[in-house]
């Protein structure tokens, strides 16, 4: 029997939640524009699709205080990010080279 593998090498979920009543959330921290940037960058690099990288929208990941946030599977690495250069660094270092970006990594607990 063959060992099961993931459909994607890396599956990235970016929180785009917009909380009511002007409560702090990833949406307010510019997550949508940075999600779009990440998705387009991965596609432009030819890294999207089966066996490669998938950038997905997510609802609330319940880490609003650290927002905007993303989580990379299968290794469950959580990141915060502020701008396109942070996204570029996560893509190049973690998703391409396999090296976690410690300066942007969020603790699990």
PDB file of N, CA and C in Angstrom:
ATOM      1  N   UNK A   1       0.847  -1.185   0.000  1.00  0.00           N
ATOM      2  CA  UNK A   1       0.000   0.000   0.000  1.00  0.00           C
ATOM      3  C   UNK A   1       0.888   1.242   0.000  1.00  0.00           C
ATOM      4  N   UNK A   2       0.583   2.219  -0.860  1.00  0.00           N
ATOM      5  CA  UNK A   2       1.389   3.431  -0.927  1.00  0.00           C
ATOM      6  C   UNK A   2       1.002   4.412   0.175  1.00  0.00           C
ATOM      7  N   UNK A   3       1.978   5.195   0.578  1.00  0.00           N
ATOM      8  CA  UNK A   3       1.754   6.196   1.619  1.00  0.00           C
ATOM      9  C   UNK A   3       0.988   7.377   1.032  1.00  0.00           C
ATOM     10  N   UNK A   4      -0.023   7.849   1.748  1.00  0.00           N
ATOM     11  CA  UNK A   4      -0.814   8.995   1.292  1.00  0.00           C
ATOM     12  C   UNK A   4       0.035  10.260   1.372  1.00  0.00           C
ATOM     13  N   UNK A   5      -0.125  11.137   0.406  1.00  0.00           N
ATOM     14  CA  UNK A   5       0.554  12.423   0.427  1.00  0.00           C
ATOM     15  C   UNK A   5      -0.485  13.522   0.293  1.00  0.00           C
ATOM     16  N   UNK A   6      -0.094  14.702   0.668  1.00  0.00           N
ATOM     17  CA  UNK A   6      -0.990  15.843   0.582  1.00  0.00           C
ATOM     18  C   UNK A   6      -1.193  16.246  -0.878  1.00  0.00           C
ATOM     19  N   UNK A   7      -2.350  16.760  -1.184  1.00  0.00           N
ATOM     20  CA  UNK A   7      -2.626  17.248  -2.539  1.00  0.00           C
ATOM     21  C   UNK A   7      -1.717  18.429  -2.886  1.00  0.00           C
ATOM     22  N   UNK A   8      -1.448  19.279  -1.883  1.00  0.00           N
ATOM     23  CA  UNK A   8      -0.551  20.419  -2.051  1.00  0.00           C
ATOM     24  C   UNK A   8       0.684  20.218  -1.183  1.00  0.00           C
ATOM     25  N   UNK A   9       1.809  20.701  -1.651  1.00  0.00           N
ATOM     26  CA  UNK A   9       3.015  20.674  -0.836  1.00  0.00           C
ATOM     27  C   UNK A   9       2.836  21.617   0.351  1.00  0.00           C
ATOM     28  N   UNK A  10       2.284  22.812   0.074  1.00  0.00           N
ATOM     29  CA  UNK A  10       1.973  23.790   1.122  1.00  0.00           C
ATOM     30  C   UNK A  10       0.571  24.322   0.867  1.00  0.00           C
ATOM     31  N   UNK A  11      -0.251  24.318   1.910  1.00  0.00           N
ATOM     32  CA  UNK A  11      -1.602  24.870   1.835  1.00  0.00           C
ATOM     33  C   UNK A  11      -1.640  26.021   2.836  1.00  0.00           C
ATOM     34  N   UNK A  12      -1.824  27.227   2.330  1.00  0.00           N
ATOM     35  CA  UNK A  12      -1.739  28.444   3.133  1.00  0.00           C
ATOM     36  C   UNK A  12      -3.136  29.036   3.296  1.00  0.00           C
ATOM     37  N   UNK A  13      -3.523  29.269   4.533  1.00  0.00           N
ATOM     38  CA  UNK A  13      -4.813  29.884   4.841  1.00  0.00           C
ATOM     39  C   UNK A  13      -4.565  31.274   5.424  1.00  0.00           C
ATOM     40  N   UNK A  14      -5.143  32.284   4.778  1.00  0.00           N
ATOM     41  CA  UNK A  14      -4.987  33.678   5.201  1.00  0.00           C
ATOM     42  C   UNK A  14      -6.321  34.158   5.757  1.00  0.00           C
ATOM     43  N   UNK A  15      -6.310  34.619   6.996  1.00  0.00           N
ATOM     44  CA  UNK A  15      -7.538  35.108   7.621  1.00  0.00           C
ATOM     45  C   UNK A  15      -7.973  36.414   6.953  1.00  0.00           C
ATOM     46  N   UNK A  16      -9.224  36.438   6.500  1.00  0.00           N
ATOM     47  CA  UNK A  16      -9.811  37.644   5.921  1.00  0.00           C
ATOM     48  C   UNK A  16     -11.047  38.081   6.705  1.00  0.00           C
ATOM     49  N   UNK A  17     -11.163  37.622   7.928  1.00  0.00           N
ATOM     50  CA  UNK A  17     -12.351  37.893   8.724  1.00  0.00           C
ATOM     51  C   UNK A  17     -12.531  39.384   8.977  1.00  0.00           C
ATOM     52  N   UNK A  18     -13.786  39.814   8.913  1.00  0.00           N
ATOM     53  CA  UNK A  18     -14.160  41.194   9.187  1.00  0.00           C
ATOM     54  C   UNK A  18     -15.147  41.173  10.339  1.00  0.00           C
ATOM     55  N   UNK A  19     -14.691  41.546  11.512  1.00  0.00           N
ATOM     56  CA  UNK A  19     -15.540  41.514  12.704  1.00  0.00           C
ATOM     57  C   UNK A  19     -16.498  42.702  12.733  1.00  0.00           C
ATOM     58  N   UNK A  20     -17.669  42.498  13.316  1.00  0.00           N
ATOM     59  CA  UNK A  20     -18.637  43.598  13.417  1.00  0.00           C
ATOM     60  C   UNK A  20     -18.226  44.627  14.465  1.00  0.00           C
ATOM     61  N   UNK A  21     -18.892  45.747  14.448  1.00  0.00           N
ATOM     62  CA  UNK A  21     -18.721  46.802  15.461  1.00  0.00           C
ATOM     63  C   UNK A  21     -17.307  47.340  15.529  1.00  0.00           C
ATOM     64  N   UNK A  22     -16.597  47.296  14.401  1.00  0.00           N
ATOM     65  CA  UNK A  22     -15.247  47.856  14.333  1.00  0.00           C
ATOM     66  C   UNK A  22     -14.253  47.192  15.286  1.00  0.00           C
ATOM     67  N   UNK A  23     -14.501  45.926  15.638  1.00  0.00           N
ATOM     68  CA  UNK A  23     -13.568  45.192  16.494  1.00  0.00           C
ATOM     69  C   UNK A  23     -12.306  44.881  15.702  1.00  0.00           C
ATOM     70  N   UNK A  24     -11.147  44.831  16.372  1.00  0.00           N
ATOM     71  CA  UNK A  24      -9.897  44.508  15.670  1.00  0.00           C
ATOM     72  C   UNK A  24     -10.010  43.165  14.937  1.00  0.00           C
ATOM     73  N   UNK A  25      -9.503  43.140  13.700  1.00  0.00           N
ATOM     74  CA  UNK A  25      -9.559  41.923  12.905  1.00  0.00           C
ATOM     75  C   UNK A  25      -8.534  41.997  11.780  1.00  0.00           C
ATOM     76  N   UNK A  26      -8.297  40.870  11.159  1.00  0.00           N
ATOM     77  CA  UNK A  26      -7.323  40.806  10.061  1.00  0.00           C
ATOM     78  C   UNK A  26      -7.743  41.673   8.885  1.00  0.00           C
ATOM     79  N   UNK A  27      -9.039  41.742   8.615  1.00  0.00           N
ATOM     80  CA  UNK A  27      -9.541  42.568   7.511  1.00  0.00           C
ATOM     81  C   UNK A  27      -9.097  44.015   7.682  1.00  0.00           C
ATOM     82  N   UNK A  28      -9.242  44.537   8.880  1.00  0.00           N
ATOM     83  CA  UNK A  28      -8.861  45.927   9.155  1.00  0.00           C
ATOM     84  C   UNK A  28      -7.358  46.148   9.021  1.00  0.00           C
ATOM     85  N   UNK A  29      -6.581  45.069   9.169  1.00  0.00           N
ATOM     86  CA  UNK A  29      -5.119  45.175   9.087  1.00  0.00           C
ATOM     87  C   UNK A  29      -4.605  44.992   7.659  1.00  0.00           C
ATOM     88  N   UNK A  30      -5.497  45.012   6.672  1.00  0.00           N
ATOM     89  CA  UNK A  30      -5.079  44.943   5.276  1.00  0.00           C
ATOM     90  C   UNK A  30      -4.873  43.549   4.725  1.00  0.00           C
ATOM     91  N   UNK A  31      -5.478  42.554   5.362  1.00  0.00           N
ATOM     92  CA  UNK A  31      -5.269  41.169   4.959  1.00  0.00           C
ATOM     93  C   UNK A  31      -5.710  40.875   3.532  1.00  0.00           C
ATOM     94  N   UNK A  32      -6.789  41.486   3.060  1.00  0.00           N
ATOM     95  CA  UNK A  32      -7.314  41.162   1.731  1.00  0.00           C
ATOM     96  C   UNK A  32      -6.323  41.524   0.629  1.00  0.00           C
ATOM     97  N   UNK A  33      -5.762  42.711   0.697  1.00  0.00           N
ATOM     98  CA  UNK A  33      -4.785  43.129  -0.316  1.00  0.00           C
ATOM     99  C   UNK A  33      -3.548  42.239  -0.287  1.00  0.00           C
ATOM    100  N   UNK A  34      -3.110  41.869   0.895  1.00  0.00           N
ATOM    101  CA  UNK A  34      -1.927  41.013   1.008  1.00  0.00           C
ATOM    102  C   UNK A  34      -2.229  39.572   0.605  1.00  0.00           C
ATOM    103  N   UNK A  35      -3.460  39.110   0.842  1.00  0.00           N
ATOM    104  CA  UNK A  35      -3.888  37.806   0.339  1.00  0.00           C
ATOM    105  C   UNK A  35      -3.826  37.805  -1.193  1.00  0.00           C
ATOM    106  N   UNK A  36      -4.406  38.832  -1.812  1.00  0.00           N
ATOM    107  CA  UNK A  36      -4.399  38.942  -3.268  1.00  0.00           C
ATOM    108  C   UNK A  36      -2.969  38.959  -3.799  1.00  0.00           C
ATOM    109  N   UNK A  37      -2.117  39.701  -3.123  1.00  0.00           N
ATOM    110  CA  UNK A  37      -0.711  39.776  -3.535  1.00  0.00           C
ATOM    111  C   UNK A  37      -0.054  38.394  -3.474  1.00  0.00           C
ATOM    112  N   UNK A  38      -0.247  37.675  -2.366  1.00  0.00           N
ATOM    113  CA  UNK A  38       0.357  36.346  -2.199  1.00  0.00           C
ATOM    114  C   UNK A  38      -0.143  35.381  -3.259  1.00  0.00           C
ATOM    115  N   UNK A  39      -1.451  35.372  -3.482  1.00  0.00           N
ATOM    116  CA  UNK A  39      -2.044  34.464  -4.474  1.00  0.00           C
ATOM    117  C   UNK A  39      -1.489  34.753  -5.874  1.00  0.00           C
ATOM    118  N   UNK A  40      -1.442  36.025  -6.246  1.00  0.00           N
ATOM    119  CA  UNK A  40      -0.924  36.414  -7.560  1.00  0.00           C
ATOM    120  C   UNK A  40       0.572  36.119  -7.694  1.00  0.00           C
ATOM    121  N   UNK A  41       1.320  36.330  -6.625  1.00  0.00           N
ATOM    122  CA  UNK A  41       2.775  36.084  -6.650  1.00  0.00           C
ATOM    123  C   UNK A  41       3.058  34.601  -6.862  1.00  0.00           C
ATOM    124  N   UNK A  42       2.356  33.734  -6.128  1.00  0.00           N
ATOM    125  CA  UNK A  42       2.554  32.290  -6.264  1.00  0.00           C
ATOM    126  C   UNK A  42       2.203  31.849  -7.689  1.00  0.00           C
ATOM    127  N   UNK A  43       1.111  32.379  -8.221  1.00  0.00           N
ATOM    128  CA  UNK A  43       0.735  32.045  -9.606  1.00  0.00           C
ATOM    129  C   UNK A  43       1.784  32.541 -10.594  1.00  0.00           C
ATOM    130  N   UNK A  44       2.253  33.776 -10.424  1.00  0.00           N
ATOM    131  CA  UNK A  44       3.243  34.352 -11.334  1.00  0.00           C
ATOM    132  C   UNK A  44       4.551  33.564 -11.322  1.00  0.00           C
ATOM    133  N   UNK A  45       4.883  32.980 -10.179  1.00  0.00           N
ATOM    134  CA  UNK A  45       6.095  32.176 -10.061  1.00  0.00           C
ATOM    135  C   UNK A  45       5.908  30.758 -10.607  1.00  0.00           C
ATOM    136  N   UNK A  46       4.676  30.439 -11.013  1.00  0.00           N
ATOM    137  CA  UNK A  46       4.387  29.105 -11.530  1.00  0.00           C
ATOM    138  C   UNK A  46       4.374  28.035 -10.455  1.00  0.00           C
ATOM    139  N   UNK A  47       4.020  28.444  -9.231  1.00  0.00           N
ATOM    140  CA  UNK A  47       4.075  27.528  -8.094  1.00  0.00           C
ATOM    141  C   UNK A  47       2.707  27.088  -7.581  1.00  0.00           C
ATOM    142  N   UNK A  48       1.632  27.427  -8.295  1.00  0.00           N
ATOM    143  CA  UNK A  48       0.302  27.061  -7.822  1.00  0.00           C
ATOM    144  C   UNK A  48      -0.165  25.777  -8.482  1.00  0.00           C
ATOM    145  N   UNK A  49      -1.029  25.051  -7.771  1.00  0.00           N
ATOM    146  CA  UNK A  49      -1.619  23.843  -8.332  1.00  0.00           C
ATOM    147  C   UNK A  49      -1.220  22.588  -7.580  1.00  0.00           C
ATOM    148  N   UNK A  50      -1.716  21.484  -8.053  1.00  0.00           N
ATOM    149  CA  UNK A  50      -1.494  20.189  -7.410  1.00  0.00           C
ATOM    150  C   UNK A  50      -0.006  19.931  -7.208  1.00  0.00           C
ATOM    151  N   UNK A  51       0.326  19.489  -5.997  1.00  0.00           N
ATOM    152  CA  UNK A  51       1.699  19.176  -5.660  1.00  0.00           C
ATOM    153  C   UNK A  51       2.559  20.382  -5.362  1.00  0.00           C
ATOM    154  N   UNK A  52       1.956  21.569  -5.425  1.00  0.00           N
ATOM    155  CA  UNK A  52       2.715  22.787  -5.200  1.00  0.00           C
ATOM    156  C   UNK A  52       2.108  23.595  -4.054  1.00  0.00           C
ATOM    157  N   UNK A  53       1.724  24.831  -4.317  1.00  0.00           N
ATOM    158  CA  UNK A  53       1.255  25.740  -3.273  1.00  0.00           C
ATOM    159  C   UNK A  53      -0.165  26.203  -3.582  1.00  0.00           C
ATOM    160  N   UNK A  54      -0.986  26.265  -2.544  1.00  0.00           N
ATOM    161  CA  UNK A  54      -2.348  26.796  -2.658  1.00  0.00           C
ATOM    162  C   UNK A  54      -2.510  27.876  -1.602  1.00  0.00           C
ATOM    163  N   UNK A  55      -2.931  29.061  -2.021  1.00  0.00           N
ATOM    164  CA  UNK A  55      -3.233  30.171  -1.108  1.00  0.00           C
ATOM    165  C   UNK A  55      -4.749  30.270  -1.030  1.00  0.00           C
ATOM    166  N   UNK A  56      -5.306  30.101   0.181  1.00  0.00           N
ATOM    167  CA  UNK A  56      -6.756  30.111   0.376  1.00  0.00           C
ATOM    168  C   UNK A  56      -7.190  31.190   1.353  1.00  0.00           C
ATOM    169  N   UNK A  57      -8.404  31.703   1.116  1.00  0.00           N
ATOM    170  CA  UNK A  57      -9.061  32.595   2.080  1.00  0.00           C
ATOM    171  C   UNK A  57      -9.502  31.760   3.263  1.00  0.00           C
ATOM    172  N   UNK A  58      -9.471  32.369   4.438  1.00  0.00           N
ATOM    173  CA  UNK A  58     -10.000  31.721   5.629  1.00  0.00           C
ATOM    174  C   UNK A  58     -10.858  32.721   6.379  1.00  0.00           C
ATOM    175  N   UNK A  59     -11.822  32.181   7.102  1.00  0.00           N
ATOM    176  CA  UNK A  59     -12.579  32.999   8.036  1.00  0.00           C
ATOM    177  C   UNK A  59     -11.710  33.222   9.256  1.00  0.00           C
ATOM    178  N   UNK A  60     -12.328  33.557  10.347  1.00  0.00           N
ATOM    179  CA  UNK A  60     -11.582  33.872  11.559  1.00  0.00           C
ATOM    180  C   UNK A  60     -10.711  32.695  12.003  1.00  0.00           C
ATOM    181  N   UNK A  61      -9.430  32.981  12.201  1.00  0.00           N
ATOM    182  CA  UNK A  61      -8.491  31.990  12.739  1.00  0.00           C
ATOM    183  C   UNK A  61      -8.276  32.212  14.232  1.00  0.00           C
ATOM    184  N   UNK A  62      -9.026  33.161  14.798  1.00  0.00           N
ATOM    185  CA  UNK A  62      -9.055  33.430  16.238  1.00  0.00           C
ATOM    186  C   UNK A  62      -7.720  33.899  16.811  1.00  0.00           C
ATOM    187  N   UNK A  63      -6.985  34.670  16.006  1.00  0.00           N
ATOM    188  CA  UNK A  63      -5.723  35.243  16.484  1.00  0.00           C
ATOM    189  C   UNK A  63      -5.668  36.721  16.096  1.00  0.00           C
ATOM    190  N   UNK A  64      -6.795  37.390  16.284  1.00  0.00           N
ATOM    191  CA  UNK A  64      -6.971  38.765  15.823  1.00  0.00           C
ATOM    192  C   UNK A  64      -5.925  39.736  16.367  1.00  0.00           C
ATOM    193  N   UNK A  65      -5.491  39.525  17.593  1.00  0.00           N
ATOM    194  CA  UNK A  65      -4.526  40.440  18.195  1.00  0.00           C
ATOM    195  C   UNK A  65      -3.192  40.444  17.467  1.00  0.00           C
ATOM    196  N   UNK A  66      -2.893  39.382  16.739  1.00  0.00           N
ATOM    197  CA  UNK A  66      -1.627  39.277  16.009  1.00  0.00           C
ATOM    198  C   UNK A  66      -1.797  39.581  14.528  1.00  0.00           C
ATOM    199  N   UNK A  67      -2.998  39.986  14.125  1.00  0.00           N
ATOM    200  CA  UNK A  67      -3.342  40.097  12.722  1.00  0.00           C
ATOM    201  C   UNK A  67      -2.572  41.131  11.945  1.00  0.00           C
ATOM    202  N   UNK A  68      -2.523  40.942  10.642  1.00  0.00           N
ATOM    203  CA  UNK A  68      -3.110  39.829   9.923  1.00  0.00           C
ATOM    204  C   UNK A  68      -2.293  38.540  10.130  1.00  0.00           C
ATOM    205  N   UNK A  69      -2.979  37.409   9.997  1.00  0.00           N
ATOM    206  CA  UNK A  69      -2.324  36.124  10.224  1.00  0.00           C
ATOM    207  C   UNK A  69      -2.600  35.146   9.093  1.00  0.00           C
ATOM    208  N   UNK A  70      -1.683  34.171   8.991  1.00  0.00           N
ATOM    209  CA  UNK A  70      -1.850  33.050   8.071  1.00  0.00           C
ATOM    210  C   UNK A  70      -1.291  31.815   8.762  1.00  0.00           C
ATOM    211  N   UNK A  71      -1.736  30.658   8.299  1.00  0.00           N
ATOM    212  CA  UNK A  71      -1.170  29.406   8.778  1.00  0.00           C
ATOM    213  C   UNK A  71      -0.821  28.565   7.562  1.00  0.00           C
ATOM    214  N   UNK A  72       0.365  27.947   7.611  1.00  0.00           N
ATOM    215  CA  UNK A  72       0.875  27.133   6.514  1.00  0.00           C
ATOM    216  C   UNK A  72       0.824  25.672   6.933  1.00  0.00           C
ATOM    217  N   UNK A  73       0.120  24.874   6.133  1.00  0.00           N
ATOM    218  CA  UNK A  73       0.059  23.435   6.354  1.00  0.00           C
ATOM    219  C   UNK A  73       0.861  22.739   5.273  1.00  0.00           C
ATOM    220  N   UNK A  74       1.424  21.568   5.535  1.00  0.00           N
ATOM    221  CA  UNK A  74       1.063  20.649   6.597  1.00  0.00           C
ATOM    222  C   UNK A  74       1.823  20.849   7.899  1.00  0.00           C
ATOM    223  N   UNK A  75       2.812  21.724   7.950  1.00  0.00           N
ATOM    224  CA  UNK A  75       3.609  21.835   9.180  1.00  0.00           C
ATOM    225  C   UNK A  75       3.054  22.805  10.210  1.00  0.00           C
ATOM    226  N   UNK A  76       1.865  23.360   9.982  1.00  0.00           N
ATOM    227  CA  UNK A  76       1.154  24.194  10.964  1.00  0.00           C
ATOM    228  C   UNK A  76       1.986  25.354  11.488  1.00  0.00           C
ATOM    229  N   UNK A  77       2.597  26.094  10.584  1.00  0.00           N
ATOM    230  CA  UNK A  77       3.380  27.268  10.970  1.00  0.00           C
ATOM    231  C   UNK A  77       2.504  28.503  10.838  1.00  0.00           C
ATOM    232  N   UNK A  78       2.398  29.258  11.922  1.00  0.00           N
ATOM    233  CA  UNK A  78       1.589  30.467  11.967  1.00  0.00           C
ATOM    234  C   UNK A  78       2.481  31.686  11.752  1.00  0.00           C
ATOM    235  N   UNK A  79       1.993  32.620  10.942  1.00  0.00           N
ATOM    236  CA  UNK A  79       2.729  33.854  10.671  1.00  0.00           C
ATOM    237  C   UNK A  79       1.830  35.065  10.837  1.00  0.00           C
ATOM    238  N   UNK A  80       2.477  36.173  11.174  1.00  0.00           N
ATOM    239  CA  UNK A  80       1.889  37.487  11.019  1.00  0.00           C
ATOM    240  C   UNK A  80       2.682  38.171   9.916  1.00  0.00           C
ATOM    241  N   UNK A  81       2.122  39.184   9.298  1.00  0.00           N
ATOM    242  CA  UNK A  81       2.793  39.876   8.194  1.00  0.00           C
ATOM    243  C   UNK A  81       2.209  41.270   8.095  1.00  0.00           C
ATOM    244  N   UNK A  82       3.005  42.206   7.595  1.00  0.00           N
ATOM    245  CA  UNK A  82       2.552  43.598   7.528  1.00  0.00           C
ATOM    246  C   UNK A  82       2.498  44.160   6.119  1.00  0.00           C
ATOM    247  N   UNK A  83       3.336  43.632   5.229  1.00  0.00           N
ATOM    248  CA  UNK A  83       3.411  44.225   3.901  1.00  0.00           C
ATOM    249  C   UNK A  83       3.857  43.190   2.873  1.00  0.00           C
ATOM    250  N   UNK A  84       3.995  43.636   1.631  1.00  0.00           N
ATOM    251  CA  UNK A  84       4.362  42.729   0.545  1.00  0.00           C
ATOM    252  C   UNK A  84       5.745  42.128   0.745  1.00  0.00           C
ATOM    253  N   UNK A  85       6.657  42.868   1.346  1.00  0.00           N
ATOM    254  CA  UNK A  85       7.998  42.312   1.565  1.00  0.00           C
ATOM    255  C   UNK A  85       7.952  41.137   2.545  1.00  0.00           C
ATOM    256  N   UNK A  86       7.055  41.196   3.532  1.00  0.00           N
ATOM    257  CA  UNK A  86       6.881  40.048   4.440  1.00  0.00           C
ATOM    258  C   UNK A  86       6.323  38.850   3.674  1.00  0.00           C
ATOM    259  N   UNK A  87       5.359  39.091   2.807  1.00  0.00           N
ATOM    260  CA  UNK A  87       4.790  38.015   1.986  1.00  0.00           C
ATOM    261  C   UNK A  87       5.877  37.414   1.095  1.00  0.00           C
ATOM    262  N   UNK A  88       6.673  38.275   0.451  1.00  0.00           N
ATOM    263  CA  UNK A  88       7.763  37.796  -0.394  1.00  0.00           C
ATOM    264  C   UNK A  88       8.722  36.906   0.390  1.00  0.00           C
ATOM    265  N   UNK A  89       9.042  37.322   1.605  1.00  0.00           N
ATOM    266  CA  UNK A  89       9.972  36.553   2.435  1.00  0.00           C
ATOM    267  C   UNK A  89       9.383  35.194   2.821  1.00  0.00           C
ATOM    268  N   UNK A  90       8.110  35.156   3.172  1.00  0.00           N
ATOM    269  CA  UNK A  90       7.461  33.885   3.515  1.00  0.00           C
ATOM    270  C   UNK A  90       7.433  32.962   2.300  1.00  0.00           C
ATOM    271  N   UNK A  91       7.090  33.503   1.139  1.00  0.00           N
ATOM    272  CA  UNK A  91       7.052  32.686  -0.073  1.00  0.00           C
ATOM    273  C   UNK A  91       8.438  32.133  -0.392  1.00  0.00           C
ATOM    274  N   UNK A  92       9.435  32.999  -0.433  1.00  0.00           N
ATOM    275  CA  UNK A  92      10.780  32.562  -0.811  1.00  0.00           C
ATOM    276  C   UNK A  92      11.392  31.624   0.236  1.00  0.00           C
ATOM    277  N   UNK A  93      11.385  32.054   1.480  1.00  0.00           N
ATOM    278  CA  UNK A  93      12.062  31.286   2.516  1.00  0.00           C
ATOM    279  C   UNK A  93      11.314  30.011   2.893  1.00  0.00           C
ATOM    280  N   UNK A  94      10.058  30.144   3.257  1.00  0.00           N
ATOM    281  CA  UNK A  94       9.310  28.974   3.752  1.00  0.00           C
ATOM    282  C   UNK A  94       8.757  28.111   2.619  1.00  0.00           C
ATOM    283  N   UNK A  95       8.015  28.719   1.716  1.00  0.00           N
ATOM    284  CA  UNK A  95       7.303  27.923   0.725  1.00  0.00           C
ATOM    285  C   UNK A  95       8.217  27.374  -0.370  1.00  0.00           C
ATOM    286  N   UNK A  96       9.278  28.087  -0.707  1.00  0.00           N
ATOM    287  CA  UNK A  96      10.195  27.607  -1.738  1.00  0.00           C
ATOM    288  C   UNK A  96      11.390  26.876  -1.138  1.00  0.00           C
ATOM    289  N   UNK A  97      12.042  27.503  -0.143  1.00  0.00           N
ATOM    290  CA  UNK A  97      13.282  26.940   0.400  1.00  0.00           C
ATOM    291  C   UNK A  97      13.069  26.025   1.605  1.00  0.00           C
ATOM    292  N   UNK A  98      11.874  26.066   2.207  1.00  0.00           N
ATOM    293  CA  UNK A  98      11.588  25.202   3.350  1.00  0.00           C
ATOM    294  C   UNK A  98      12.147  25.678   4.676  1.00  0.00           C
ATOM    295  N   UNK A  99      12.466  26.974   4.767  1.00  0.00           N
ATOM    296  CA  UNK A  99      13.039  27.538   5.994  1.00  0.00           C
ATOM    297  C   UNK A  99      12.017  28.490   6.619  1.00  0.00           C
ATOM    298  N   UNK A 100      11.616  28.210   7.854  1.00  0.00           N
ATOM    299  CA  UNK A 100      10.643  29.047   8.561  1.00  0.00           C
ATOM    300  C   UNK A 100      11.213  30.450   8.764  1.00  0.00           C
ATOM    301  N   UNK A 101      10.377  31.457   8.580  1.00  0.00           N
ATOM    302  CA  UNK A 101      10.764  32.855   8.792  1.00  0.00           C
ATOM    303  C   UNK A 101      10.500  33.170  10.264  1.00  0.00           C
ATOM    304  N   UNK A 102      11.512  32.994  11.074  1.00  0.00           N
ATOM    305  CA  UNK A 102      11.346  33.113  12.530  1.00  0.00           C
ATOM    306  C   UNK A 102      10.872  34.497  12.965  1.00  0.00           C
ATOM    307  N   UNK A 103      11.301  35.540  12.304  1.00  0.00           N
ATOM    308  CA  UNK A 103      10.924  36.886  12.750  1.00  0.00           C
ATOM    309  C   UNK A 103       9.432  37.160  12.576  1.00  0.00           C
ATOM    310  N   UNK A 104       8.751  36.410  11.698  1.00  0.00           N
ATOM    311  CA  UNK A 104       7.320  36.592  11.465  1.00  0.00           C
ATOM    312  C   UNK A 104       6.477  35.478  12.070  1.00  0.00           C
ATOM    313  N   UNK A 105       7.118  34.470  12.598  1.00  0.00           N
ATOM    314  CA  UNK A 105       6.419  33.304  13.147  1.00  0.00           C
ATOM    315  C   UNK A 105       5.708  33.655  14.452  1.00  0.00           C
ATOM    316  N   UNK A 106       4.488  33.164  14.563  1.00  0.00           N
ATOM    317  CA  UNK A 106       3.716  33.345  15.795  1.00  0.00           C
ATOM    318  C   UNK A 106       3.837  32.084  16.644  1.00  0.00           C
ATOM    319  N   UNK A 107       3.925  32.247  17.958  1.00  0.00           N
ATOM    320  CA  UNK A 107       3.947  31.061  18.817  1.00  0.00           C
ATOM    321  C   UNK A 107       2.601  30.345  18.757  1.00  0.00           C
ATOM    322  N   UNK A 108       2.626  29.048  18.935  1.00  0.00           N
ATOM    323  CA  UNK A 108       1.375  28.264  18.885  1.00  0.00           C
ATOM    324  C   UNK A 108       0.515  28.565  20.109  1.00  0.00           C
ATOM    325  N   UNK A 109       1.135  28.788  21.248  1.00  0.00           N
ATOM    326  CA  UNK A 109       0.307  29.082  22.437  1.00  0.00           C
ATOM    327  C   UNK A 109       0.641  30.419  23.017  1.00  0.00           C
TER     328      UNK A 109
END
